[in-house]
Amino acid sequence: MQYTENTIGYLFLALSWLVFFAAHSGLAATSVKHWLTGRWPFLKAWYRLLYNILSLLLLLPVIYFYFKLPGRLLLSVTWYGQAAGALVALFGVYVLRDAFRFYHTGEFLGTYQLRHKHEFHPVQLNRQGWNRLVRHPLYFATLLIVAGLMLYAPTIKMAVNALMVTLYLYIGARWEEHKLISEFGPEYEIYRQEVSMLLPVKWLAAKLRRRA
């Protein structure tokens, strides 16, 4: 009976992630945004801020089911595994913080749109900082944090989180690419050829070739 209850709990955890991902991606879609702001024009200034608030609220069920489920281990916990996990996660936090230096914080939070009463439109493609290594450095940082947490606490519920987040970041990045191509055109196509999407594979390969 306990196994059945836990299984249902894992399914609800995964379902909570799916609801979050559907809302997060759906409301970020240009067509949905234009339809909503066209129907209610006042939303143009508030859209990003409300979008962020709703995203945080939709994470509450994820947090609830995660802490409600038992910490049943998939792998045995070792001090070196936890140390490695902590280092990877902390490096992910560092990348996240450092990458944000080259993004418009007000636009990301929604305060810019609220203050200026219109959307923020970047005038040029961001290829600074970690964007030289990967096209989506915030997603890369999130992957590092998730991998680090999985190493630190290799439980079933953490594996569900890691699987769902990894799948979403890949799908979300591919979806975001379409918007970036329509926005920057051939410039972004060249950028795609030169820089990897989520992991710095091309950057590492170039480094190795120069050393060979």
N, C-alpha and C. Protein backbone atom coordinates (compact mmCIF):
# COMPACT_ATOMS: atom_id res chain seq x y z
N MET A 1 0.84 -1.21 0.00
CA MET A 1 0.00 0.00 0.00
C MET A 1 0.87 1.25 0.00
N GLN A 2 1.92 1.23 0.80
CA GLN A 2 2.83 2.37 0.88
C GLN A 2 3.51 2.63 -0.46
N TYR A 3 3.87 1.52 -1.12
CA TYR A 3 4.52 1.66 -2.43
C TYR A 3 3.57 2.33 -3.42
N THR A 4 2.30 1.94 -3.38
CA THR A 4 1.30 2.52 -4.28
C THR A 4 1.14 4.01 -4.01
N GLU A 5 1.06 4.38 -2.74
CA GLU A 5 0.92 5.79 -2.38
C GLU A 5 2.12 6.60 -2.85
N ASN A 6 3.31 6.04 -2.68
CA ASN A 6 4.52 6.75 -3.11
C ASN A 6 4.55 6.89 -4.63
N THR A 7 4.13 5.82 -5.33
CA THR A 7 4.10 5.87 -6.79
C THR A 7 3.17 6.97 -7.27
N ILE A 8 2.01 7.07 -6.66
CA ILE A 8 1.06 8.13 -7.01
C ILE A 8 1.67 9.49 -6.71
N GLY A 9 2.40 9.58 -5.61
CA GLY A 9 3.07 10.83 -5.26
C GLY A 9 4.09 11.24 -6.30
N TYR A 10 4.87 10.28 -6.82
CA TYR A 10 5.85 10.58 -7.87
C TYR A 10 5.14 11.04 -9.15
N LEU A 11 4.01 10.41 -9.44
CA LEU A 11 3.25 10.81 -10.63
C LEU A 11 2.71 12.23 -10.47
N PHE A 12 2.24 12.57 -9.28
CA PHE A 12 1.75 13.93 -9.04
C PHE A 12 2.88 14.95 -9.09
N LEU A 13 4.06 14.53 -8.64
CA LEU A 13 5.23 15.42 -8.74
C LEU A 13 5.54 15.70 -10.21
N ALA A 14 5.56 14.64 -11.02
CA ALA A 14 5.82 14.81 -12.46
C ALA A 14 4.71 15.63 -13.11
N LEU A 15 3.45 15.37 -12.71
CA LEU A 15 2.33 16.12 -13.26
C LEU A 15 2.41 17.61 -12.90
N SER A 16 2.85 17.89 -11.68
CA SER A 16 3.01 19.29 -11.26
C SER A 16 4.04 20.00 -12.12
N TRP A 17 5.13 19.29 -12.43
CA TRP A 17 6.13 19.86 -13.34
C TRP A 17 5.54 20.10 -14.73
N LEU A 18 4.73 19.14 -15.22
CA LEU A 18 4.14 19.29 -16.54
C LEU A 18 3.21 20.50 -16.61
N VAL A 19 2.42 20.72 -15.56
CA VAL A 19 1.54 21.88 -15.51
C VAL A 19 2.37 23.16 -15.53
N PHE A 20 3.43 23.18 -14.73
CA PHE A 20 4.32 24.34 -14.70
C PHE A 20 4.92 24.60 -16.08
N PHE A 21 5.44 23.54 -16.72
CA PHE A 21 6.09 23.69 -18.02
C PHE A 21 5.09 24.16 -19.08
N ALA A 22 3.88 23.59 -19.07
CA ALA A 22 2.88 23.97 -20.07
C ALA A 22 2.52 25.45 -19.94
N ALA A 23 2.31 25.90 -18.72
CA ALA A 23 1.97 27.31 -18.50
C ALA A 23 3.15 28.21 -18.81
N HIS A 24 4.34 27.80 -18.39
CA HIS A 24 5.55 28.60 -18.57
C HIS A 24 5.85 28.80 -20.05
N SER A 25 5.76 27.72 -20.83
CA SER A 25 6.04 27.82 -22.27
C SER A 25 4.87 28.43 -23.04
N GLY A 26 3.66 28.01 -22.68
CA GLY A 26 2.48 28.49 -23.39
C GLY A 26 2.31 29.99 -23.28
N LEU A 27 2.44 30.52 -22.07
CA LEU A 27 2.27 31.96 -21.87
C LEU A 27 3.43 32.77 -22.43
N ALA A 28 4.58 32.11 -22.64
CA ALA A 28 5.73 32.81 -23.23
C ALA A 28 5.65 32.84 -24.75
N ALA A 29 4.76 32.02 -25.33
CA ALA A 29 4.62 31.98 -26.79
C ALA A 29 4.16 33.35 -27.31
N THR A 30 4.76 33.79 -28.39
CA THR A 30 4.45 35.11 -28.94
C THR A 30 2.99 35.23 -29.33
N SER A 31 2.43 34.17 -29.94
CA SER A 31 1.03 34.21 -30.37
C SER A 31 0.09 34.35 -29.18
N VAL A 32 0.36 33.64 -28.09
CA VAL A 32 -0.48 33.72 -26.90
C VAL A 32 -0.36 35.10 -26.26
N LYS A 33 0.88 35.60 -26.18
CA LYS A 33 1.11 36.92 -25.60
C LYS A 33 0.39 38.01 -26.39
N HIS A 34 0.48 37.94 -27.73
CA HIS A 34 -0.18 38.93 -28.56
C HIS A 34 -1.70 38.85 -28.45
N TRP A 35 -2.22 37.63 -28.35
CA TRP A 35 -3.68 37.48 -28.22
C TRP A 35 -4.17 38.06 -26.91
N LEU A 36 -3.46 37.76 -25.81
CA LEU A 36 -3.87 38.25 -24.50
C LEU A 36 -3.73 39.76 -24.38
N THR A 37 -2.60 40.29 -24.85
CA THR A 37 -2.40 41.74 -24.75
C THR A 37 -3.28 42.50 -25.75
N GLY A 38 -3.67 41.84 -26.85
CA GLY A 38 -4.60 42.47 -27.78
C GLY A 38 -6.00 42.54 -27.20
N ARG A 39 -6.36 41.51 -26.45
CA ARG A 39 -7.69 41.48 -25.83
C ARG A 39 -7.75 42.41 -24.62
N TRP A 40 -6.65 42.44 -23.85
CA TRP A 40 -6.58 43.31 -22.67
C TRP A 40 -5.29 44.14 -22.77
N PRO A 41 -5.33 45.28 -23.44
CA PRO A 41 -4.12 46.08 -23.71
C PRO A 41 -3.31 46.47 -22.46
N PHE A 42 -3.97 46.60 -21.32
CA PHE A 42 -3.25 46.99 -20.11
C PHE A 42 -2.21 45.93 -19.71
N LEU A 43 -2.38 44.70 -20.22
CA LEU A 43 -1.45 43.62 -19.88
C LEU A 43 -0.07 43.81 -20.47
N LYS A 44 0.05 44.67 -21.49
CA LYS A 44 1.37 44.86 -22.13
C LYS A 44 2.43 45.27 -21.12
N ALA A 45 2.05 46.15 -20.21
CA ALA A 45 3.01 46.62 -19.20
C ALA A 45 3.19 45.60 -18.08
N TRP A 46 2.13 44.85 -17.80
CA TRP A 46 2.14 43.94 -16.65
C TRP A 46 2.49 42.50 -17.01
N TYR A 47 2.55 42.18 -18.30
CA TYR A 47 2.59 40.78 -18.72
C TYR A 47 3.76 40.01 -18.11
N ARG A 48 4.98 40.54 -18.24
CA ARG A 48 6.15 39.80 -17.76
C ARG A 48 6.13 39.63 -16.25
N LEU A 49 5.75 40.66 -15.53
CA LEU A 49 5.71 40.58 -14.07
C LEU A 49 4.67 39.56 -13.62
N LEU A 50 3.47 39.59 -14.21
CA LEU A 50 2.43 38.61 -13.86
C LEU A 50 2.85 37.20 -14.28
N TYR A 51 3.54 37.11 -15.38
CA TYR A 51 4.05 35.82 -15.86
C TYR A 51 5.01 35.21 -14.83
N ASN A 52 5.90 36.03 -14.29
CA ASN A 52 6.85 35.56 -13.28
C ASN A 52 6.15 35.17 -11.99
N ILE A 53 5.18 35.96 -11.58
CA ILE A 53 4.44 35.65 -10.34
C ILE A 53 3.68 34.34 -10.49
N LEU A 54 3.02 34.16 -11.64
CA LEU A 54 2.29 32.91 -11.88
C LEU A 54 3.24 31.72 -11.91
N SER A 55 4.41 31.90 -12.50
CA SER A 55 5.40 30.81 -12.55
C SER A 55 5.81 30.39 -11.15
N LEU A 56 6.03 31.36 -10.27
CA LEU A 56 6.40 31.06 -8.88
C LEU A 56 5.26 30.33 -8.16
N LEU A 57 4.03 30.75 -8.40
CA LEU A 57 2.88 30.11 -7.77
C LEU A 57 2.73 28.67 -8.25
N LEU A 58 3.01 28.44 -9.53
CA LEU A 58 2.87 27.09 -10.08
C LEU A 58 3.98 26.15 -9.61
N LEU A 59 5.03 26.72 -9.02
CA LEU A 59 6.07 25.87 -8.44
C LEU A 59 5.69 25.35 -7.06
N LEU A 60 4.69 25.95 -6.44
CA LEU A 60 4.28 25.53 -5.09
C LEU A 60 3.84 24.07 -5.04
N PRO A 61 3.01 23.57 -6.00
CA PRO A 61 2.68 22.14 -5.96
C PRO A 61 3.90 21.24 -6.11
N VAL A 62 4.87 21.66 -6.93
CA VAL A 62 6.11 20.89 -7.08
C VAL A 62 6.82 20.78 -5.74
N ILE A 63 6.94 21.90 -5.05
CA ILE A 63 7.61 21.93 -3.75
C ILE A 63 6.84 21.08 -2.73
N TYR A 64 5.53 21.18 -2.77
CA TYR A 64 4.69 20.42 -1.83
C TYR A 64 4.89 18.92 -2.01
N PHE A 65 4.75 18.43 -3.24
CA PHE A 65 4.88 16.98 -3.46
C PHE A 65 6.31 16.51 -3.24
N TYR A 66 7.29 17.35 -3.55
CA TYR A 66 8.68 16.94 -3.32
C TYR A 66 8.94 16.68 -1.84
N PHE A 67 8.53 17.61 -0.99
CA PHE A 67 8.80 17.44 0.45
C PHE A 67 7.84 16.45 1.11
N LYS A 68 6.72 16.18 0.49
CA LYS A 68 5.78 15.19 1.04
C LYS A 68 6.28 13.76 0.80
N LEU A 69 6.99 13.55 -0.30
CA LEU A 69 7.48 12.21 -0.65
C LEU A 69 8.68 11.81 0.21
N PRO A 70 8.83 10.52 0.48
CA PRO A 70 9.99 10.06 1.26
C PRO A 70 11.27 10.15 0.44
N GLY A 71 12.39 10.24 1.13
CA GLY A 71 13.68 10.35 0.45
C GLY A 71 14.27 8.98 0.17
N ARG A 72 13.58 8.17 -0.59
CA ARG A 72 14.06 6.83 -0.91
C ARG A 72 15.22 6.91 -1.89
N LEU A 73 16.33 6.27 -1.55
CA LEU A 73 17.56 6.40 -2.34
C LEU A 73 17.54 5.51 -3.58
N LEU A 74 18.08 6.05 -4.66
CA LEU A 74 18.35 5.25 -5.86
C LEU A 74 19.74 4.64 -5.79
N LEU A 75 20.68 5.42 -5.24
CA LEU A 75 22.07 5.01 -5.09
C LEU A 75 22.52 5.27 -3.66
N SER A 76 23.55 4.58 -3.25
CA SER A 76 24.08 4.82 -1.91
C SER A 76 24.77 6.18 -1.87
N VAL A 77 24.66 6.84 -0.75
CA VAL A 77 25.24 8.17 -0.58
C VAL A 77 26.66 8.03 -0.05
N THR A 78 27.61 8.71 -0.69
CA THR A 78 29.00 8.71 -0.24
C THR A 78 29.45 10.15 -0.03
N TRP A 79 30.46 10.34 0.79
CA TRP A 79 30.93 11.70 1.06
C TRP A 79 31.51 12.34 -0.20
N TYR A 80 32.21 11.53 -1.02
CA TYR A 80 32.81 12.10 -2.23
C TYR A 80 31.73 12.41 -3.28
N GLY A 81 30.66 11.62 -3.30
CA GLY A 81 29.56 11.92 -4.20
C GLY A 81 28.86 13.21 -3.82
N GLN A 82 28.66 13.37 -2.50
CA GLN A 82 28.03 14.60 -2.03
C GLN A 82 28.95 15.81 -2.23
N ALA A 83 30.24 15.61 -2.03
CA ALA A 83 31.19 16.72 -2.25
C ALA A 83 31.19 17.13 -3.72
N ALA A 84 31.22 16.15 -4.62
CA ALA A 84 31.19 16.44 -6.05
C ALA A 84 29.88 17.13 -6.42
N GLY A 85 28.78 16.64 -5.87
CA GLY A 85 27.48 17.23 -6.15
C GLY A 85 27.41 18.67 -5.69
N ALA A 86 27.93 18.94 -4.49
CA ALA A 86 27.91 20.30 -3.96
C ALA A 86 28.75 21.24 -4.85
N LEU A 87 29.90 20.76 -5.31
CA LEU A 87 30.77 21.58 -6.16
C LEU A 87 30.10 21.89 -7.50
N VAL A 88 29.47 20.86 -8.10
CA VAL A 88 28.80 21.06 -9.38
C VAL A 88 27.63 22.04 -9.24
N ALA A 89 26.83 21.86 -8.17
CA ALA A 89 25.69 22.75 -7.94
C ALA A 89 26.15 24.18 -7.68
N LEU A 90 27.18 24.34 -6.88
CA LEU A 90 27.70 25.68 -6.60
C LEU A 90 28.28 26.34 -7.85
N PHE A 91 28.92 25.54 -8.69
CA PHE A 91 29.41 26.07 -9.95
C PHE A 91 28.25 26.53 -10.83
N GLY A 92 27.16 25.76 -10.80
CA GLY A 92 25.96 26.15 -11.54
C GLY A 92 25.39 27.47 -11.04
N VAL A 93 25.38 27.65 -9.72
CA VAL A 93 24.91 28.91 -9.14
C VAL A 93 25.81 30.06 -9.58
N TYR A 94 27.13 29.81 -9.61
CA TYR A 94 28.08 30.83 -10.06
C TYR A 94 27.82 31.21 -11.52
N VAL A 95 27.64 30.20 -12.38
CA VAL A 95 27.38 30.46 -13.80
C VAL A 95 26.09 31.26 -13.95
N LEU A 96 25.06 30.88 -13.20
CA LEU A 96 23.77 31.57 -13.27
C LEU A 96 23.94 33.04 -12.89
N ARG A 97 24.63 33.29 -11.80
CA ARG A 97 24.82 34.66 -11.32
C ARG A 97 25.68 35.46 -12.30
N ASP A 98 26.75 34.83 -12.80
CA ASP A 98 27.65 35.54 -13.70
C ASP A 98 26.99 35.80 -15.05
N ALA A 99 26.21 34.84 -15.55
CA ALA A 99 25.55 35.00 -16.85
C ALA A 99 24.53 36.13 -16.82
N PHE A 100 23.90 36.35 -15.66
CA PHE A 100 22.89 37.38 -15.54
C PHE A 100 23.46 38.79 -15.77
N ARG A 101 24.78 38.93 -15.65
CA ARG A 101 25.39 40.26 -15.85
C ARG A 101 25.16 40.77 -17.26
N PHE A 102 24.95 39.86 -18.21
CA PHE A 102 24.81 40.24 -19.61
C PHE A 102 23.36 40.17 -20.08
N TYR A 103 22.43 40.11 -19.12
CA TYR A 103 21.01 40.16 -19.44
C TYR A 103 20.42 41.42 -18.80
N HIS A 104 19.32 41.88 -19.36
CA HIS A 104 18.63 43.05 -18.83
C HIS A 104 17.74 42.58 -17.67
N THR A 105 18.18 42.86 -16.44
CA THR A 105 17.48 42.36 -15.25
C THR A 105 16.05 42.89 -15.18
N GLY A 106 15.86 44.16 -15.49
CA GLY A 106 14.53 44.74 -15.46
C GLY A 106 13.58 44.08 -16.44
N GLU A 107 14.10 43.74 -17.63
CA GLU A 107 13.26 43.04 -18.61
C GLU A 107 12.92 41.65 -18.13
N PHE A 108 13.89 40.96 -17.54
CA PHE A 108 13.67 39.60 -17.06
C PHE A 108 12.61 39.57 -15.94
N LEU A 109 12.70 40.53 -15.02
CA LEU A 109 11.75 40.57 -13.91
C LEU A 109 10.40 41.16 -14.31
N GLY A 110 10.39 42.03 -15.30
CA GLY A 110 9.15 42.67 -15.72
C GLY A 110 9.01 44.10 -15.25
N THR A 111 9.99 44.60 -14.49
CA THR A 111 9.91 45.96 -13.97
C THR A 111 10.16 46.99 -15.08
N TYR A 112 10.99 46.63 -16.07
CA TYR A 112 11.23 47.55 -17.19
C TYR A 112 9.93 47.82 -17.95
N GLN A 113 9.19 46.76 -18.28
CA GLN A 113 7.96 46.90 -19.03
C GLN A 113 6.94 47.71 -18.23
N LEU A 114 6.90 47.49 -16.94
CA LEU A 114 5.94 48.20 -16.09
C LEU A 114 6.28 49.69 -16.02
N ARG A 115 7.55 50.00 -15.99
CA ARG A 115 7.99 51.39 -15.87
C ARG A 115 7.85 52.13 -17.19
N HIS A 116 8.16 51.46 -18.31
CA HIS A 116 8.16 52.14 -19.60
C HIS A 116 6.88 51.89 -20.41
N LYS A 117 6.00 51.02 -19.93
CA LYS A 117 4.70 50.75 -20.58
C LYS A 117 4.84 50.11 -21.96
N HIS A 118 5.96 49.42 -22.21
CA HIS A 118 6.11 48.68 -23.46
C HIS A 118 7.14 47.58 -23.26
N GLU A 119 7.18 46.64 -24.19
CA GLU A 119 8.11 45.52 -24.09
C GLU A 119 9.53 45.97 -24.38
N PHE A 120 10.48 45.18 -23.88
CA PHE A 120 11.89 45.43 -24.13
C PHE A 120 12.30 44.66 -25.38
N HIS A 121 12.94 45.34 -26.34
CA HIS A 121 13.40 44.70 -27.57
C HIS A 121 14.90 44.88 -27.69
N PRO A 122 15.67 43.78 -27.54
CA PRO A 122 17.13 43.90 -27.66
C PRO A 122 17.53 44.35 -29.06
N VAL A 123 18.50 45.25 -29.13
CA VAL A 123 18.92 45.78 -30.42
C VAL A 123 19.96 44.89 -31.09
N GLN A 124 20.62 44.03 -30.32
CA GLN A 124 21.61 43.14 -30.90
C GLN A 124 21.64 41.81 -30.16
N LEU A 125 22.13 40.79 -30.84
CA LEU A 125 22.23 39.46 -30.28
C LEU A 125 23.28 39.43 -29.18
N ASN A 126 22.93 38.84 -28.04
CA ASN A 126 23.84 38.76 -26.90
C ASN A 126 24.83 37.62 -27.11
N ARG A 127 26.10 37.96 -27.32
CA ARG A 127 27.15 36.95 -27.46
C ARG A 127 28.26 37.19 -26.45
N GLN A 128 27.92 37.85 -25.36
CA GLN A 128 28.91 38.18 -24.33
C GLN A 128 28.91 37.12 -23.22
N GLY A 129 29.99 37.12 -22.44
CA GLY A 129 30.06 36.25 -21.27
C GLY A 129 29.87 34.78 -21.61
N TRP A 130 29.01 34.12 -20.87
CA TRP A 130 28.76 32.69 -21.07
C TRP A 130 28.04 32.40 -22.37
N ASN A 131 27.46 33.42 -23.00
CA ASN A 131 26.82 33.23 -24.30
C ASN A 131 27.84 32.92 -25.38
N ARG A 132 29.13 33.10 -25.10
CA ARG A 132 30.19 32.69 -26.04
C ARG A 132 30.40 31.19 -26.00
N LEU A 133 29.98 30.55 -24.90
CA LEU A 133 30.18 29.11 -24.72
C LEU A 133 28.94 28.30 -25.08
N VAL A 134 27.78 28.81 -24.67
CA VAL A 134 26.50 28.14 -24.95
C VAL A 134 25.46 29.20 -25.32
N ARG A 135 24.48 28.80 -26.12
CA ARG A 135 23.47 29.76 -26.57
C ARG A 135 22.45 30.06 -25.47
N HIS A 136 22.33 29.15 -24.50
CA HIS A 136 21.37 29.35 -23.41
C HIS A 136 22.08 29.13 -22.07
N PRO A 137 22.88 30.09 -21.63
CA PRO A 137 23.68 29.90 -20.41
C PRO A 137 22.86 29.74 -19.14
N LEU A 138 21.67 30.34 -19.07
CA LEU A 138 20.83 30.18 -17.88
C LEU A 138 20.33 28.74 -17.78
N TYR A 139 20.03 28.15 -18.93
CA TYR A 139 19.62 26.74 -18.94
C TYR A 139 20.80 25.84 -18.59
N PHE A 140 21.97 26.17 -19.12
CA PHE A 140 23.19 25.42 -18.80
C PHE A 140 23.45 25.44 -17.30
N ALA A 141 23.32 26.61 -16.69
CA ALA A 141 23.52 26.73 -15.25
C ALA A 141 22.50 25.89 -14.49
N THR A 142 21.26 25.90 -14.95
CA THR A 142 20.21 25.10 -14.29
C THR A 142 20.52 23.61 -14.38
N LEU A 143 21.01 23.17 -15.53
CA LEU A 143 21.40 21.77 -15.68
C LEU A 143 22.51 21.39 -14.71
N LEU A 144 23.48 22.27 -14.52
CA LEU A 144 24.55 22.02 -13.56
C LEU A 144 24.00 21.90 -12.14
N ILE A 145 23.10 22.79 -11.78
CA ILE A 145 22.51 22.76 -10.44
C ILE A 145 21.73 21.47 -10.22
N VAL A 146 20.93 21.09 -11.22
CA VAL A 146 20.13 19.86 -11.11
C VAL A 146 21.04 18.63 -11.02
N ALA A 147 22.08 18.59 -11.84
CA ALA A 147 23.02 17.46 -11.80
C ALA A 147 23.72 17.39 -10.45
N GLY A 148 24.12 18.56 -9.93
CA GLY A 148 24.78 18.60 -8.63
C GLY A 148 23.87 18.11 -7.50
N LEU A 149 22.62 18.53 -7.53
CA LEU A 149 21.66 18.10 -6.51
C LEU A 149 21.39 16.60 -6.60
N MET A 150 21.39 16.08 -7.83
CA MET A 150 21.17 14.64 -8.02
C MET A 150 22.35 13.84 -7.46
N LEU A 151 23.57 14.35 -7.63
CA LEU A 151 24.73 13.69 -7.06
C LEU A 151 24.73 13.78 -5.53
N TYR A 152 24.29 14.93 -5.04
CA TYR A 152 24.30 15.15 -3.59
C TYR A 152 23.23 14.32 -2.88
N ALA A 153 22.04 14.23 -3.48
CA ALA A 153 20.94 13.49 -2.87
C ALA A 153 20.28 12.61 -3.93
N PRO A 154 20.87 11.43 -4.22
CA PRO A 154 20.38 10.58 -5.31
C PRO A 154 19.12 9.80 -4.94
N THR A 155 18.03 10.53 -4.71
CA THR A 155 16.76 9.91 -4.34
C THR A 155 15.86 9.78 -5.57
N ILE A 156 14.79 9.00 -5.41
CA ILE A 156 13.85 8.83 -6.52
C ILE A 156 13.18 10.15 -6.85
N LYS A 157 12.76 10.88 -5.81
CA LYS A 157 12.07 12.15 -6.08
C LYS A 157 13.00 13.17 -6.72
N MET A 158 14.27 13.15 -6.39
CA MET A 158 15.21 14.05 -7.04
C MET A 158 15.44 13.63 -8.49
N ALA A 159 15.40 12.32 -8.74
CA ALA A 159 15.54 11.82 -10.11
C ALA A 159 14.36 12.27 -10.97
N VAL A 160 13.16 12.26 -10.38
CA VAL A 160 11.98 12.76 -11.10
C VAL A 160 12.17 14.23 -11.46
N ASN A 161 12.63 15.01 -10.48
CA ASN A 161 12.90 16.44 -10.73
C ASN A 161 13.92 16.61 -11.84
N ALA A 162 15.03 15.88 -11.74
CA ALA A 162 16.11 16.01 -12.71
C ALA A 162 15.65 15.65 -14.12
N LEU A 163 14.88 14.56 -14.22
CA LEU A 163 14.39 14.12 -15.52
C LEU A 163 13.44 15.15 -16.14
N MET A 164 12.50 15.63 -15.35
CA MET A 164 11.51 16.58 -15.85
C MET A 164 12.17 17.91 -16.25
N VAL A 165 13.05 18.40 -15.41
CA VAL A 165 13.71 19.68 -15.69
C VAL A 165 14.61 19.57 -16.93
N THR A 166 15.35 18.47 -17.05
CA THR A 166 16.24 18.28 -18.19
C THR A 166 15.45 18.22 -19.50
N LEU A 167 14.35 17.46 -19.50
CA LEU A 167 13.51 17.37 -20.69
C LEU A 167 12.94 18.73 -21.06
N TYR A 168 12.49 19.46 -20.04
CA TYR A 168 11.89 20.76 -20.32
C TYR A 168 12.93 21.76 -20.86
N LEU A 169 14.11 21.75 -20.29
CA LEU A 169 15.14 22.69 -20.74
C LEU A 169 15.52 22.42 -22.20
N TYR A 170 15.58 21.16 -22.56
CA TYR A 170 15.90 20.83 -23.95
C TYR A 170 14.77 21.27 -24.89
N ILE A 171 13.54 20.90 -24.54
CA ILE A 171 12.39 21.26 -25.38
C ILE A 171 12.21 22.78 -25.39
N GLY A 172 12.33 23.40 -24.20
CA GLY A 172 12.17 24.84 -24.11
C GLY A 172 13.21 25.60 -24.90
N ALA A 173 14.44 25.11 -24.89
CA ALA A 173 15.51 25.76 -25.65
C ALA A 173 15.24 25.67 -27.15
N ARG A 174 14.79 24.49 -27.60
CA ARG A 174 14.47 24.33 -29.02
C ARG A 174 13.34 25.25 -29.43
N TRP A 175 12.35 25.40 -28.56
CA TRP A 175 11.22 26.26 -28.83
C TRP A 175 11.67 27.74 -28.89
N GLU A 176 12.52 28.10 -27.95
CA GLU A 176 13.00 29.48 -27.90
C GLU A 176 13.86 29.82 -29.12
N GLU A 177 14.53 28.80 -29.66
CA GLU A 177 15.36 29.03 -30.84
C GLU A 177 14.54 29.59 -32.00
N HIS A 178 13.31 29.10 -32.17
CA HIS A 178 12.46 29.57 -33.26
C HIS A 178 12.19 31.07 -33.13
N LYS A 179 11.93 31.52 -31.91
CA LYS A 179 11.68 32.94 -31.69
C LYS A 179 12.93 33.77 -31.97
N LEU A 180 14.09 33.25 -31.56
CA LEU A 180 15.33 33.98 -31.76
C LEU A 180 15.72 34.05 -33.23
N ILE A 181 15.43 32.99 -33.99
CA ILE A 181 15.70 33.00 -35.43
C ILE A 181 14.83 34.04 -36.12
N SER A 182 13.54 34.09 -35.73
CA SER A 182 12.64 35.08 -36.35
C SER A 182 13.03 36.50 -35.96
N GLU A 183 13.67 36.65 -34.80
CA GLU A 183 14.04 37.98 -34.33
C GLU A 183 15.36 38.46 -34.92
N PHE A 184 16.35 37.56 -35.01
CA PHE A 184 17.69 37.97 -35.45
C PHE A 184 18.09 37.42 -36.82
N GLY A 185 17.29 36.50 -37.38
CA GLY A 185 17.52 36.02 -38.73
C GLY A 185 18.85 35.32 -38.95
N PRO A 186 19.54 35.61 -40.08
CA PRO A 186 20.80 34.95 -40.43
C PRO A 186 21.89 35.06 -39.36
N GLU A 187 21.86 36.17 -38.60
CA GLU A 187 22.87 36.34 -37.55
C GLU A 187 22.77 35.22 -36.52
N TYR A 188 21.54 34.85 -36.19
CA TYR A 188 21.37 33.78 -35.21
C TYR A 188 21.71 32.41 -35.81
N GLU A 189 21.44 32.25 -37.11
CA GLU A 189 21.79 30.98 -37.77
C GLU A 189 23.30 30.77 -37.72
N ILE A 190 24.07 31.82 -37.94
CA ILE A 190 25.54 31.73 -37.85
C ILE A 190 25.95 31.41 -36.41
N TYR A 191 25.30 32.07 -35.47
CA TYR A 191 25.56 31.84 -34.04
C TYR A 191 25.31 30.37 -33.68
N ARG A 192 24.26 29.80 -34.21
CA ARG A 192 23.93 28.39 -33.95
C ARG A 192 25.03 27.47 -34.46
N GLN A 193 25.62 27.81 -35.60
CA GLN A 193 26.68 26.98 -36.16
C GLN A 193 27.96 27.06 -35.35
N GLU A 194 28.16 28.19 -34.69
CA GLU A 194 29.43 28.42 -33.97
C GLU A 194 29.37 28.00 -32.51
N VAL A 195 28.20 28.07 -31.89
CA VAL A 195 28.07 27.86 -30.44
C VAL A 195 27.02 26.79 -30.16
N SER A 196 27.33 25.88 -29.22
CA SER A 196 26.40 24.81 -28.85
C SER A 196 25.20 25.36 -28.09
N MET A 197 24.12 24.58 -28.06
CA MET A 197 22.87 25.05 -27.48
C MET A 197 22.89 25.05 -25.95
N LEU A 198 23.15 23.90 -25.34
CA LEU A 198 23.04 23.78 -23.88
C LEU A 198 24.34 23.42 -23.18
N LEU A 199 25.18 22.65 -23.82
CA LEU A 199 26.46 22.24 -23.24
C LEU A 199 27.60 22.78 -24.10
N PRO A 200 28.69 23.24 -23.51
CA PRO A 200 29.77 23.89 -24.29
C PRO A 200 30.63 22.91 -25.07
N VAL A 201 29.99 22.06 -25.86
CA VAL A 201 30.70 21.01 -26.60
C VAL A 201 31.62 21.62 -27.66
N LYS A 202 31.09 22.54 -28.47
CA LYS A 202 31.90 23.14 -29.54
C LYS A 202 33.05 23.96 -28.97
N TRP A 203 32.80 24.64 -27.87
CA TRP A 203 33.85 25.43 -27.23
C TRP A 203 34.97 24.54 -26.72
N LEU A 204 34.60 23.43 -26.07
CA LEU A 204 35.61 22.48 -25.58
C LEU A 204 36.37 21.83 -26.73
N ALA A 205 35.65 21.48 -27.81
CA ALA A 205 36.31 20.85 -28.97
C ALA A 205 37.32 21.82 -29.58
N ALA A 206 36.96 23.08 -29.67
CA ALA A 206 37.88 24.09 -30.22
C ALA A 206 39.12 24.24 -29.33
N LYS A 207 38.92 24.20 -28.01
CA LYS A 207 40.04 24.29 -27.07
C LYS A 207 40.99 23.11 -27.24
N LEU A 208 40.41 21.91 -27.39
CA LEU A 208 41.23 20.70 -27.54
C LEU A 208 42.00 20.70 -28.86
N ARG A 209 41.34 21.20 -29.93
CA ARG A 209 42.02 21.26 -31.24
C ARG A 209 43.20 22.20 -31.19
N ARG A 210 43.05 23.32 -30.47
CA ARG A 210 44.16 24.28 -30.39
C ARG A 210 45.35 23.72 -29.60
N ARG A 211 45.03 22.83 -28.64
CA ARG A 211 46.11 22.26 -27.83
C ARG A 211 46.80 21.08 -28.52
N ALA A 212 46.08 20.47 -29.48
CA ALA A 212 46.64 19.28 -30.15
C ALA A 212 47.80 19.65 -31.08
